[in-house]
Amino acid sequence: MMGSLTHGLRRLTLGVASRPPPTPNFSFSSAMRGQALAAPRRQMAATVAAVNVQAAQNSDRRQRRSEKQRIRNRARKSAVTTRMKKVFKALDTFKDEPPKTEDELKPVESLISEAFKEIDKAWSKGVLHKNTAARRKSRLSRAKNRLLADAGLIAAPKSDTEEA
């Protein structure tokens, strides 16, 4: 009796191990109400692989976009710096001989206007922070007002260090 029992168990365990796993039934019933159906393992593995490939493609695309934006932002920042340098260089030409009238500063005014425009563009595109843009514009205006004050064309501007 004992021999037949072990023989039967062995046959059962061998039979279970050699059988393929049951495939899920994909029939859609009204009881499911549009819920997701269970996918077989092979499909799930393929889906996970597709998601990983897609994520890698998205990160590559994001990297390319970031590089383009970095170059564009750098060019815009450089343009701001160049415009500011042009203004300061134009103001330095008046160091030896200050302007006699404000009309002599018309070319400098147009350079300042261009610099302001470039700074405002950089701020609106998000290249410069709001406070940085304001500080740079203020720096240009102070330099011009300092020159006019040294020439005696306007009252001397108040300094930050002076106490009123």
N, C-alpha and C. Protein backbone atom coordinates (compact mmCIF):
# COMPACT_ATOMS: atom_id res chain seq x y z
N MET A 1 0.82 -1.19 0.00
CA MET A 1 0.00 0.00 0.00
C MET A 1 0.87 1.25 0.00
N MET A 2 1.91 1.18 0.78
CA MET A 2 2.77 2.34 0.89
C MET A 2 3.43 2.69 -0.45
N GLY A 3 3.82 1.67 -1.19
CA GLY A 3 4.48 1.89 -2.47
C GLY A 3 3.57 2.59 -3.47
N SER A 4 2.32 2.19 -3.49
CA SER A 4 1.40 2.79 -4.45
C SER A 4 1.10 4.25 -4.10
N LEU A 5 1.12 4.57 -2.81
CA LEU A 5 0.87 5.95 -2.38
C LEU A 5 2.00 6.87 -2.80
N THR A 6 3.23 6.47 -2.57
CA THR A 6 4.36 7.30 -2.99
C THR A 6 4.44 7.39 -4.49
N HIS A 7 4.13 6.30 -5.15
CA HIS A 7 4.13 6.34 -6.60
C HIS A 7 3.10 7.35 -7.12
N GLY A 8 1.95 7.40 -6.49
CA GLY A 8 0.90 8.33 -6.88
C GLY A 8 1.29 9.78 -6.62
N LEU A 9 1.97 10.05 -5.48
CA LEU A 9 2.42 11.41 -5.18
C LEU A 9 3.48 11.87 -6.17
N ARG A 10 4.38 10.93 -6.48
CA ARG A 10 5.43 11.28 -7.43
C ARG A 10 4.81 11.64 -8.77
N ARG A 11 3.84 10.87 -9.17
CA ARG A 11 3.19 11.14 -10.44
C ARG A 11 2.49 12.50 -10.41
N LEU A 12 1.88 12.84 -9.30
CA LEU A 12 1.21 14.14 -9.17
C LEU A 12 2.20 15.30 -9.23
N THR A 13 3.29 15.19 -8.50
CA THR A 13 4.26 16.29 -8.51
C THR A 13 4.92 16.43 -9.88
N LEU A 14 5.22 15.33 -10.50
CA LEU A 14 5.81 15.40 -11.84
C LEU A 14 4.82 16.00 -12.83
N GLY A 15 3.58 15.61 -12.69
CA GLY A 15 2.56 16.11 -13.61
C GLY A 15 2.37 17.62 -13.47
N VAL A 16 2.41 18.16 -12.27
CA VAL A 16 2.20 19.59 -12.03
C VAL A 16 3.38 20.39 -12.58
N ALA A 17 4.58 19.87 -12.36
CA ALA A 17 5.76 20.60 -12.79
C ALA A 17 5.88 20.62 -14.30
N SER A 18 5.43 19.62 -14.98
CA SER A 18 5.62 19.57 -16.41
C SER A 18 4.52 20.29 -17.17
N ARG A 19 3.41 20.58 -16.52
CA ARG A 19 2.31 21.27 -17.20
C ARG A 19 2.61 22.77 -17.36
N PRO A 20 2.27 23.37 -18.49
CA PRO A 20 2.45 24.83 -18.63
C PRO A 20 1.44 25.57 -17.77
N PRO A 21 1.77 26.81 -17.35
CA PRO A 21 0.81 27.56 -16.53
C PRO A 21 -0.45 27.86 -17.31
N PRO A 22 -1.57 27.91 -16.64
CA PRO A 22 -2.83 28.16 -17.36
C PRO A 22 -2.84 29.57 -17.95
N THR A 23 -3.38 29.72 -19.15
CA THR A 23 -3.48 31.04 -19.79
C THR A 23 -4.74 31.72 -19.30
N PRO A 24 -4.67 33.02 -19.07
CA PRO A 24 -5.86 33.72 -18.58
C PRO A 24 -6.92 33.81 -19.66
N ASN A 25 -8.15 33.89 -19.23
CA ASN A 25 -9.27 34.00 -20.15
C ASN A 25 -9.50 35.50 -20.43
N PHE A 26 -9.50 35.88 -21.70
CA PHE A 26 -9.63 37.29 -22.05
C PHE A 26 -11.03 37.67 -22.51
N SER A 27 -12.02 36.87 -22.19
CA SER A 27 -13.37 37.22 -22.61
C SER A 27 -13.85 38.40 -21.77
N PHE A 28 -14.42 39.37 -22.43
CA PHE A 28 -14.87 40.59 -21.76
C PHE A 28 -16.33 40.40 -21.37
N SER A 29 -16.64 40.64 -20.11
CA SER A 29 -18.04 40.52 -19.69
C SER A 29 -18.52 41.87 -19.19
N SER A 30 -19.80 42.03 -19.11
CA SER A 30 -20.37 43.30 -18.65
C SER A 30 -20.05 43.55 -17.18
N ALA A 31 -19.72 42.48 -16.45
CA ALA A 31 -19.40 42.63 -15.03
C ALA A 31 -18.07 43.37 -14.86
N MET A 32 -17.20 43.34 -15.87
CA MET A 32 -15.88 43.99 -15.76
C MET A 32 -16.01 45.52 -15.80
N ARG A 33 -16.99 46.02 -16.49
CA ARG A 33 -17.23 47.47 -16.61
C ARG A 33 -15.99 48.24 -17.06
N GLY A 34 -15.31 47.74 -18.07
CA GLY A 34 -14.19 48.47 -18.65
C GLY A 34 -12.91 48.44 -17.85
N GLN A 35 -12.82 47.56 -16.85
CA GLN A 35 -11.59 47.49 -16.07
C GLN A 35 -10.49 46.86 -16.90
N ALA A 36 -9.24 47.13 -16.54
CA ALA A 36 -8.11 46.59 -17.28
C ALA A 36 -8.06 45.08 -17.14
N LEU A 37 -7.76 44.41 -18.23
CA LEU A 37 -7.66 42.96 -18.21
C LEU A 37 -6.25 42.55 -17.85
N ALA A 38 -6.10 41.44 -17.19
CA ALA A 38 -4.77 40.96 -16.81
C ALA A 38 -4.03 40.51 -18.07
N ALA A 39 -2.82 40.98 -18.25
CA ALA A 39 -2.03 40.61 -19.42
C ALA A 39 -1.11 39.46 -19.06
N PRO A 40 -0.85 38.55 -20.01
CA PRO A 40 0.10 37.47 -19.73
C PRO A 40 1.50 38.04 -19.49
N ARG A 41 2.35 37.24 -18.87
CA ARG A 41 3.69 37.68 -18.48
C ARG A 41 4.49 38.22 -19.66
N ARG A 42 4.40 37.52 -20.81
CA ARG A 42 5.19 37.94 -21.97
C ARG A 42 4.81 39.35 -22.41
N GLN A 43 3.53 39.64 -22.41
CA GLN A 43 3.08 40.97 -22.81
C GLN A 43 3.54 42.02 -21.80
N MET A 44 3.49 41.68 -20.51
CA MET A 44 3.91 42.63 -19.48
C MET A 44 5.39 42.95 -19.63
N ALA A 45 6.20 41.93 -19.90
CA ALA A 45 7.64 42.14 -20.06
C ALA A 45 7.90 43.02 -21.26
N ALA A 46 7.17 42.81 -22.35
CA ALA A 46 7.35 43.63 -23.55
C ALA A 46 6.94 45.06 -23.27
N THR A 47 5.86 45.24 -22.50
CA THR A 47 5.41 46.59 -22.16
C THR A 47 6.44 47.32 -21.32
N VAL A 48 7.01 46.64 -20.33
CA VAL A 48 8.03 47.25 -19.48
C VAL A 48 9.24 47.64 -20.30
N ALA A 49 9.66 46.78 -21.23
CA ALA A 49 10.81 47.08 -22.09
C ALA A 49 10.51 48.29 -22.97
N ALA A 50 9.29 48.37 -23.50
CA ALA A 50 8.91 49.51 -24.35
C ALA A 50 8.93 50.80 -23.54
N VAL A 51 8.46 50.75 -22.30
CA VAL A 51 8.45 51.94 -21.44
C VAL A 51 9.88 52.39 -21.16
N ASN A 52 10.78 51.43 -20.88
CA ASN A 52 12.18 51.79 -20.63
C ASN A 52 12.82 52.44 -21.84
N VAL A 53 12.56 51.90 -23.03
CA VAL A 53 13.11 52.48 -24.26
C VAL A 53 12.55 53.87 -24.47
N GLN A 54 11.25 54.02 -24.24
CA GLN A 54 10.61 55.32 -24.42
C GLN A 54 11.17 56.35 -23.43
N ALA A 55 11.40 55.93 -22.20
CA ALA A 55 11.97 56.84 -21.20
C ALA A 55 13.37 57.26 -21.61
N ALA A 56 14.15 56.34 -22.15
CA ALA A 56 15.50 56.68 -22.61
C ALA A 56 15.44 57.67 -23.77
N GLN A 57 14.50 57.46 -24.68
CA GLN A 57 14.34 58.39 -25.80
C GLN A 57 13.93 59.77 -25.30
N ASN A 58 13.03 59.80 -24.32
CA ASN A 58 12.58 61.09 -23.78
C ASN A 58 13.73 61.82 -23.11
N SER A 59 14.59 61.10 -22.38
CA SER A 59 15.70 61.76 -21.70
C SER A 59 16.71 62.27 -22.73
N ASP A 60 16.91 61.52 -23.81
CA ASP A 60 17.81 62.00 -24.88
C ASP A 60 17.25 63.25 -25.52
N ARG A 61 15.95 63.23 -25.77
CA ARG A 61 15.30 64.39 -26.39
C ARG A 61 15.41 65.61 -25.47
N ARG A 62 15.18 65.37 -24.18
CA ARG A 62 15.27 66.46 -23.19
C ARG A 62 16.69 67.02 -23.14
N GLN A 63 17.67 66.13 -23.24
CA GLN A 63 19.07 66.57 -23.22
C GLN A 63 19.38 67.45 -24.42
N ARG A 64 18.91 67.03 -25.59
CA ARG A 64 19.14 67.83 -26.80
C ARG A 64 18.48 69.20 -26.69
N ARG A 65 17.25 69.20 -26.17
CA ARG A 65 16.52 70.47 -26.01
C ARG A 65 17.23 71.39 -25.02
N SER A 66 17.70 70.81 -23.93
CA SER A 66 18.40 71.61 -22.91
C SER A 66 19.66 72.24 -23.48
N GLU A 67 20.36 71.49 -24.30
CA GLU A 67 21.60 72.01 -24.91
C GLU A 67 21.29 73.18 -25.84
N LYS A 68 20.23 73.05 -26.64
CA LYS A 68 19.83 74.15 -27.53
C LYS A 68 19.46 75.39 -26.71
N GLN A 69 18.70 75.17 -25.63
CA GLN A 69 18.28 76.29 -24.79
C GLN A 69 19.48 76.94 -24.11
N ARG A 70 20.44 76.12 -23.68
CA ARG A 70 21.63 76.66 -23.02
C ARG A 70 22.40 77.57 -23.98
N ILE A 71 22.54 77.14 -25.22
CA ILE A 71 23.26 77.95 -26.22
C ILE A 71 22.50 79.24 -26.49
N ARG A 72 21.17 79.12 -26.62
CA ARG A 72 20.35 80.30 -26.88
C ARG A 72 20.42 81.29 -25.71
N ASN A 73 20.34 80.77 -24.48
CA ASN A 73 20.41 81.62 -23.29
C ASN A 73 21.78 82.29 -23.17
N ARG A 74 22.82 81.54 -23.48
CA ARG A 74 24.17 82.09 -23.40
C ARG A 74 24.33 83.24 -24.39
N ALA A 75 23.78 83.08 -25.59
CA ALA A 75 23.85 84.13 -26.60
C ALA A 75 23.11 85.38 -26.13
N ARG A 76 21.96 85.18 -25.52
CA ARG A 76 21.18 86.33 -25.05
C ARG A 76 21.90 87.05 -23.91
N LYS A 77 22.49 86.28 -22.99
CA LYS A 77 23.27 86.89 -21.90
C LYS A 77 24.46 87.65 -22.44
N SER A 78 25.10 87.09 -23.42
CA SER A 78 26.27 87.72 -24.04
C SER A 78 25.86 89.03 -24.71
N ALA A 79 24.69 89.03 -25.35
CA ALA A 79 24.20 90.25 -26.00
C ALA A 79 23.97 91.35 -24.97
N VAL A 80 23.43 90.98 -23.81
CA VAL A 80 23.21 91.96 -22.74
C VAL A 80 24.54 92.56 -22.30
N THR A 81 25.52 91.70 -22.07
CA THR A 81 26.84 92.16 -21.62
C THR A 81 27.48 93.07 -22.66
N THR A 82 27.36 92.71 -23.93
CA THR A 82 27.95 93.51 -25.01
C THR A 82 27.31 94.89 -25.05
N ARG A 83 25.99 94.94 -24.97
CA ARG A 83 25.29 96.24 -24.99
C ARG A 83 25.73 97.11 -23.81
N MET A 84 25.87 96.50 -22.65
CA MET A 84 26.29 97.27 -21.48
C MET A 84 27.71 97.81 -21.67
N LYS A 85 28.59 96.98 -22.19
CA LYS A 85 29.97 97.42 -22.44
C LYS A 85 30.01 98.60 -23.40
N LYS A 86 29.17 98.54 -24.43
CA LYS A 86 29.12 99.64 -25.41
C LYS A 86 28.71 100.94 -24.75
N VAL A 87 27.74 100.86 -23.85
CA VAL A 87 27.28 102.06 -23.14
C VAL A 87 28.41 102.61 -22.26
N PHE A 88 29.07 101.75 -21.50
CA PHE A 88 30.14 102.21 -20.61
C PHE A 88 31.31 102.78 -21.40
N LYS A 89 31.60 102.18 -22.55
CA LYS A 89 32.69 102.69 -23.39
C LYS A 89 32.34 104.08 -23.95
N ALA A 90 31.07 104.24 -24.36
CA ALA A 90 30.62 105.54 -24.87
C ALA A 90 30.66 106.60 -23.76
N LEU A 91 30.32 106.21 -22.54
CA LEU A 91 30.37 107.16 -21.42
C LEU A 91 31.82 107.51 -21.06
N ASP A 92 32.74 106.55 -21.24
CA ASP A 92 34.15 106.81 -20.95
C ASP A 92 34.77 107.83 -21.90
N THR A 93 34.21 107.96 -23.10
CA THR A 93 34.76 108.94 -24.05
C THR A 93 34.56 110.37 -23.53
N PHE A 94 33.59 110.57 -22.64
CA PHE A 94 33.31 111.90 -22.08
C PHE A 94 34.11 112.17 -20.81
N LYS A 95 34.98 111.24 -20.40
CA LYS A 95 35.73 111.45 -19.17
C LYS A 95 36.71 112.62 -19.31
N ASP A 96 37.41 112.67 -20.44
CA ASP A 96 38.38 113.75 -20.65
C ASP A 96 37.69 115.09 -20.82
N GLU A 97 36.67 115.12 -21.66
CA GLU A 97 35.94 116.37 -21.88
C GLU A 97 34.45 116.10 -21.65
N PRO A 98 33.89 116.55 -20.52
CA PRO A 98 32.48 116.29 -20.23
C PRO A 98 31.56 116.99 -21.24
N PRO A 99 30.36 116.45 -21.42
CA PRO A 99 29.43 117.07 -22.38
C PRO A 99 28.98 118.43 -21.88
N LYS A 100 28.81 119.35 -22.85
CA LYS A 100 28.36 120.71 -22.48
C LYS A 100 26.84 120.80 -22.44
N THR A 101 26.18 119.98 -23.24
CA THR A 101 24.71 119.93 -23.24
C THR A 101 24.27 118.46 -23.21
N GLU A 102 23.00 118.30 -22.90
CA GLU A 102 22.46 116.94 -22.88
C GLU A 102 22.30 116.38 -24.29
N ASP A 103 22.24 117.28 -25.29
CA ASP A 103 22.10 116.82 -26.67
C ASP A 103 23.34 116.05 -27.14
N GLU A 104 24.48 116.31 -26.53
CA GLU A 104 25.70 115.58 -26.90
C GLU A 104 25.61 114.11 -26.47
N LEU A 105 24.70 113.82 -25.58
CA LEU A 105 24.56 112.45 -25.09
C LEU A 105 23.49 111.65 -25.86
N LYS A 106 22.97 112.20 -26.96
CA LYS A 106 21.95 111.49 -27.74
C LYS A 106 22.43 110.11 -28.22
N PRO A 107 23.67 109.98 -28.75
CA PRO A 107 24.11 108.64 -29.16
C PRO A 107 24.18 107.66 -27.97
N VAL A 108 24.59 108.19 -26.81
CA VAL A 108 24.65 107.35 -25.62
C VAL A 108 23.23 106.94 -25.20
N GLU A 109 22.29 107.86 -25.33
CA GLU A 109 20.89 107.56 -24.99
C GLU A 109 20.36 106.42 -25.85
N SER A 110 20.70 106.44 -27.14
CA SER A 110 20.21 105.36 -28.01
C SER A 110 20.87 104.02 -27.62
N LEU A 111 22.16 104.07 -27.23
CA LEU A 111 22.82 102.84 -26.78
C LEU A 111 22.19 102.31 -25.49
N ILE A 112 21.85 103.23 -24.59
CA ILE A 112 21.19 102.84 -23.33
C ILE A 112 19.83 102.22 -23.63
N SER A 113 19.11 102.83 -24.58
CA SER A 113 17.80 102.30 -24.96
C SER A 113 17.92 100.88 -25.50
N GLU A 114 18.92 100.63 -26.36
CA GLU A 114 19.15 99.29 -26.90
C GLU A 114 19.50 98.30 -25.79
N ALA A 115 20.33 98.76 -24.85
CA ALA A 115 20.72 97.89 -23.73
C ALA A 115 19.51 97.53 -22.87
N PHE A 116 18.65 98.53 -22.59
CA PHE A 116 17.44 98.28 -21.81
C PHE A 116 16.55 97.26 -22.52
N LYS A 117 16.43 97.42 -23.83
CA LYS A 117 15.59 96.52 -24.62
C LYS A 117 16.12 95.09 -24.53
N GLU A 118 17.44 94.95 -24.64
CA GLU A 118 18.06 93.62 -24.57
C GLU A 118 17.89 93.00 -23.18
N ILE A 119 18.05 93.83 -22.15
CA ILE A 119 17.88 93.35 -20.77
C ILE A 119 16.44 92.91 -20.53
N ASP A 120 15.49 93.71 -21.01
CA ASP A 120 14.08 93.36 -20.84
C ASP A 120 13.72 92.07 -21.58
N LYS A 121 14.30 91.88 -22.76
CA LYS A 121 14.06 90.65 -23.51
C LYS A 121 14.61 89.45 -22.74
N ALA A 122 15.82 89.59 -22.22
CA ALA A 122 16.44 88.50 -21.46
C ALA A 122 15.60 88.17 -20.22
N TRP A 123 15.06 89.19 -19.58
CA TRP A 123 14.22 88.95 -18.40
C TRP A 123 12.92 88.25 -18.80
N SER A 124 12.30 88.71 -19.89
CA SER A 124 11.01 88.12 -20.30
C SER A 124 11.17 86.68 -20.75
N LYS A 125 12.33 86.32 -21.28
CA LYS A 125 12.57 84.93 -21.72
C LYS A 125 13.03 84.04 -20.57
N GLY A 126 13.26 84.64 -19.42
CA GLY A 126 13.67 83.85 -18.27
C GLY A 126 15.17 83.61 -18.18
N VAL A 127 15.94 84.33 -18.98
CA VAL A 127 17.40 84.17 -18.95
C VAL A 127 17.98 84.90 -17.75
N LEU A 128 17.45 86.09 -17.46
CA LEU A 128 17.89 86.86 -16.31
C LEU A 128 16.78 86.90 -15.26
N HIS A 129 17.17 86.91 -14.02
CA HIS A 129 16.20 87.09 -12.93
C HIS A 129 15.73 88.54 -12.94
N LYS A 130 14.54 88.76 -12.40
CA LYS A 130 13.94 90.10 -12.38
C LYS A 130 14.86 91.10 -11.68
N ASN A 131 15.40 90.72 -10.52
CA ASN A 131 16.26 91.64 -9.77
C ASN A 131 17.58 91.90 -10.48
N THR A 132 18.11 90.90 -11.16
CA THR A 132 19.35 91.08 -11.92
C THR A 132 19.12 92.08 -13.04
N ALA A 133 18.01 91.93 -13.75
CA ALA A 133 17.69 92.85 -14.84
C ALA A 133 17.54 94.28 -14.29
N ALA A 134 16.85 94.43 -13.18
CA ALA A 134 16.66 95.76 -12.59
C ALA A 134 18.00 96.36 -12.15
N ARG A 135 18.87 95.52 -11.58
CA ARG A 135 20.17 96.01 -11.12
C ARG A 135 21.02 96.48 -12.30
N ARG A 136 20.99 95.77 -13.39
CA ARG A 136 21.79 96.17 -14.55
C ARG A 136 21.26 97.45 -15.18
N LYS A 137 19.96 97.58 -15.26
CA LYS A 137 19.38 98.81 -15.80
C LYS A 137 19.73 99.99 -14.89
N SER A 138 19.66 99.76 -13.59
CA SER A 138 19.99 100.80 -12.63
C SER A 138 21.45 101.22 -12.77
N ARG A 139 22.32 100.26 -12.99
CA ARG A 139 23.75 100.54 -13.13
C ARG A 139 24.01 101.44 -14.33
N LEU A 140 23.30 101.17 -15.44
CA LEU A 140 23.46 102.00 -16.64
C LEU A 140 22.95 103.42 -16.38
N SER A 141 21.80 103.53 -15.75
CA SER A 141 21.22 104.85 -15.47
C SER A 141 22.12 105.65 -14.52
N ARG A 142 22.64 104.97 -13.49
CA ARG A 142 23.52 105.68 -12.54
C ARG A 142 24.77 106.19 -13.22
N ALA A 143 25.33 105.39 -14.12
CA ALA A 143 26.55 105.82 -14.82
C ALA A 143 26.27 107.06 -15.66
N LYS A 144 25.14 107.09 -16.34
CA LYS A 144 24.78 108.26 -17.15
C LYS A 144 24.55 109.48 -16.26
N ASN A 145 23.79 109.28 -15.15
CA ASN A 145 23.50 110.41 -14.26
C ASN A 145 24.76 110.93 -13.58
N ARG A 146 25.68 110.03 -13.27
CA ARG A 146 26.96 110.46 -12.69
C ARG A 146 27.73 111.36 -13.65
N LEU A 147 27.71 110.97 -14.92
CA LEU A 147 28.40 111.77 -15.94
C LEU A 147 27.74 113.14 -16.07
N LEU A 148 26.42 113.17 -16.10
CA LEU A 148 25.71 114.45 -16.20
C LEU A 148 25.96 115.32 -14.96
N ALA A 149 26.03 114.71 -13.80
CA ALA A 149 26.29 115.45 -12.56
C ALA A 149 27.71 116.02 -12.58
N ASP A 150 28.68 115.22 -13.04
CA ASP A 150 30.07 115.71 -13.13
C ASP A 150 30.18 116.87 -14.10
N ALA A 151 29.35 116.85 -15.15
CA ALA A 151 29.36 117.93 -16.13
C ALA A 151 28.58 119.14 -15.62
N GLY A 152 27.85 119.00 -14.54
CA GLY A 152 27.08 120.09 -13.97
C GLY A 152 25.75 120.32 -14.66
N LEU A 153 25.30 119.36 -15.42
CA LEU A 153 24.04 119.52 -16.14
C LEU A 153 22.82 119.15 -15.29
N ILE A 154 23.02 118.30 -14.28
CA ILE A 154 21.94 117.97 -13.35
C ILE A 154 22.51 118.01 -11.94
N ALA A 155 21.61 118.04 -10.95
CA ALA A 155 22.06 118.02 -9.56
C ALA A 155 22.72 116.67 -9.29
N ALA A 156 23.68 116.66 -8.40
CA ALA A 156 24.41 115.43 -8.08
C ALA A 156 23.45 114.41 -7.49
N PRO A 157 23.48 113.17 -8.01
CA PRO A 157 22.59 112.14 -7.47
C PRO A 157 23.02 111.74 -6.07
N LYS A 158 22.07 111.33 -5.26
CA LYS A 158 22.39 110.89 -3.90
C LYS A 158 23.09 109.56 -3.98
N SER A 159 24.11 109.42 -3.18
CA SER A 159 24.85 108.18 -3.12
C SER A 159 24.20 107.26 -2.10
N ASP A 160 24.40 105.98 -2.24
CA ASP A 160 23.85 105.02 -1.29
C ASP A 160 24.51 105.15 0.08
N THR A 161 25.78 105.57 0.09
CA THR A 161 26.50 105.67 1.34
C THR A 161 26.22 106.97 2.08
N GLU A 162 25.78 107.98 1.36
CA GLU A 162 25.47 109.26 2.02
C GLU A 162 24.20 109.13 2.85
N GLU A 163 24.17 109.84 3.96
CA GLU A 163 22.95 109.85 4.78
C GLU A 163 22.23 111.16 4.56
N ALA A 164 20.94 111.10 4.38
CA ALA A 164 20.16 112.30 4.10
C ALA A 164 19.76 112.99 5.38
